[in-house]
Amino acid sequence: MRRFLPEILLASALVLNAAANILMKYSALRTRELPAGAGLVEKLATRLHPAFVIGLILFAMNVFAYQAALRTPRMKLSLAYPVMVSGGYVIILAVSWFLFRERLGVMQYAGVGLILGGIWMVVR
């Protein structure tokens, strides 16, 4: 278990970050626009959807997991960051397809294939 700790921490950070982004989108779709004259309290109450608050908490947890992964001697920033960003993109793409019915074009899916190939090359 200890042998794989850096990878587990990085994977945890990646999933936490992706989940936080998904919750941000979800909460954005669930909040309504307020009139221009709305007060600060009303704006905050409308924006603080539970999914938004949970998303903020997951973002914070992501930062701590990512830093813990980078603190390990084996985890290189030049490896961790590309995996974190591109892996998160792929997770968000898949969840967005199911949850939000977002669709990409053929060229975009080809780009996702290149991203996955790039991740594989970076971790080898």
Protein backbone atom coordinates (compact mmCIF):
# COMPACT_ATOMS: atom_id res chain seq x y z
CA MET A 1 0.00 0.00 0.00
CA ARG A 2 2.75 2.44 0.97
CA ARG A 3 4.51 1.68 -2.30
CA PHE A 4 1.56 3.08 -4.26
CA LEU A 5 0.82 6.01 -1.94
CA PRO A 6 1.93 8.76 -4.39
CA GLU A 7 -0.25 7.32 -7.13
CA ILE A 8 -3.21 6.88 -4.78
CA LEU A 9 -2.87 10.47 -3.59
CA LEU A 10 -2.64 11.76 -7.17
CA ALA A 11 -5.65 9.70 -8.26
CA SER A 12 -7.58 10.98 -5.25
CA ALA A 13 -6.71 14.57 -6.11
CA LEU A 14 -7.72 13.99 -9.72
CA VAL A 15 -11.12 12.52 -8.79
CA LEU A 16 -11.77 15.20 -6.16
CA ASN A 17 -11.00 17.94 -8.69
CA ALA A 18 -13.21 16.41 -11.37
CA ALA A 19 -16.07 15.90 -8.89
CA ALA A 20 -15.76 19.51 -7.71
CA ASN A 21 -15.99 20.79 -11.29
CA ILE A 22 -19.02 18.62 -11.99
CA LEU A 23 -20.74 19.93 -8.86
CA MET A 24 -19.97 23.50 -9.94
CA LYS A 25 -21.73 22.89 -13.26
CA TYR A 26 -24.64 21.15 -11.53
CA SER A 27 -25.11 24.01 -9.08
CA ALA A 28 -24.83 26.60 -11.87
CA LEU A 29 -27.71 24.90 -13.66
CA ARG A 30 -29.79 24.90 -10.47
CA THR A 31 -29.40 28.57 -9.52
CA ARG A 32 -31.53 31.31 -11.01
CA GLU A 33 -30.51 34.71 -12.30
CA LEU A 34 -31.41 37.56 -9.99
CA PRO A 35 -32.59 41.02 -11.00
CA ALA A 36 -29.94 43.73 -11.17
CA GLY A 37 -31.17 45.36 -7.94
CA ALA A 38 -30.95 42.21 -5.81
CA GLY A 39 -29.18 42.63 -2.48
CA LEU A 40 -25.97 40.94 -1.40
CA VAL A 41 -27.70 38.57 1.04
CA GLU A 42 -30.18 37.46 -1.63
CA LYS A 43 -27.34 36.92 -4.13
CA LEU A 44 -25.34 34.84 -1.65
CA ALA A 45 -28.37 32.77 -0.63
CA THR A 46 -29.12 32.02 -4.28
CA ARG A 47 -25.53 31.14 -5.16
CA LEU A 48 -24.83 28.94 -2.14
CA HIS A 49 -26.53 25.88 -3.56
CA PRO A 50 -25.57 22.74 -1.56
CA ALA A 51 -23.77 21.29 -4.60
CA PHE A 52 -21.72 24.51 -4.82
CA VAL A 53 -20.67 24.29 -1.17
CA ILE A 54 -19.75 20.60 -1.51
CA GLY A 55 -17.81 21.46 -4.68
CA LEU A 56 -15.80 24.08 -2.78
CA ILE A 57 -15.01 21.53 -0.08
CA LEU A 58 -13.90 18.99 -2.71
CA PHE A 59 -11.66 21.63 -4.34
CA ALA A 60 -9.98 22.19 -0.96
CA MET A 61 -9.56 18.45 -0.39
CA ASN A 62 -8.07 18.19 -3.89
CA VAL A 63 -5.42 20.77 -3.05
CA PHE A 64 -4.35 18.89 0.07
CA ALA A 65 -4.27 15.48 -1.69
CA TYR A 66 -2.31 16.96 -4.62
CA GLN A 67 0.22 18.60 -2.31
CA ALA A 68 0.61 15.35 -0.37
CA ALA A 69 1.28 13.51 -3.63
CA LEU A 70 3.87 16.09 -4.67
CA ARG A 71 5.55 15.87 -1.27
CA THR A 72 6.54 12.26 -1.93
CA PRO A 73 10.03 11.92 -3.40
CA ARG A 74 8.91 9.79 -6.33
CA MET A 75 6.18 12.12 -7.60
CA LYS A 76 7.51 14.55 -10.17
CA LEU A 77 5.55 17.70 -10.94
CA SER A 78 6.28 17.21 -14.64
CA LEU A 79 4.41 13.90 -14.41
CA ALA A 80 1.73 14.75 -11.86
CA TYR A 81 0.39 17.89 -13.53
CA PRO A 82 -0.25 16.42 -17.00
CA VAL A 83 -1.92 13.37 -15.48
CA MET A 84 -4.00 15.56 -13.17
CA VAL A 85 -5.23 17.92 -15.89
CA SER A 86 -5.79 15.49 -18.73
CA GLY A 87 -7.14 12.70 -16.54
CA GLY A 88 -9.60 15.12 -15.00
CA TYR A 89 -10.66 16.24 -18.46
CA VAL A 90 -11.45 12.68 -19.49
CA ILE A 91 -13.46 12.03 -16.30
CA ILE A 92 -15.41 15.27 -16.74
CA LEU A 93 -16.04 14.46 -20.41
CA ALA A 94 -17.53 11.07 -19.55
CA VAL A 95 -19.68 12.33 -16.68
CA SER A 96 -20.85 15.35 -18.69
CA TRP A 97 -21.95 13.04 -21.48
CA PHE A 98 -24.23 11.11 -19.11
CA LEU A 99 -25.29 13.76 -16.61
CA PHE A 100 -25.57 16.91 -18.72
CA ARG A 101 -26.05 15.31 -22.17
CA GLU A 102 -23.05 17.23 -23.54
CA ARG A 103 -21.82 15.92 -26.86
CA LEU A 104 -18.58 16.50 -28.75
CA GLY A 105 -17.77 16.31 -32.44
CA VAL A 106 -15.65 13.68 -34.16
CA MET A 107 -12.52 15.84 -34.06
CA GLN A 108 -12.99 16.48 -30.35
CA TYR A 109 -13.31 12.76 -29.63
CA ALA A 110 -10.16 12.22 -31.70
CA GLY A 111 -8.48 14.79 -29.45
CA VAL A 112 -9.62 12.85 -26.39
CA GLY A 113 -7.97 9.77 -27.90
CA LEU A 114 -4.76 11.74 -28.31
CA ILE A 115 -5.00 12.93 -24.70
CA LEU A 116 -5.39 9.35 -23.47
CA GLY A 117 -2.43 8.30 -25.62
CA GLY A 118 -0.43 11.19 -24.22
CA ILE A 119 -1.23 10.23 -20.64
CA TRP A 120 -0.13 6.68 -21.38
CA MET A 121 3.16 7.96 -22.88
CA VAL A 122 3.84 10.29 -19.94
CA VAL A 123 3.35 7.62 -17.29
CA ARG A 124 5.52 5.05 -19.10
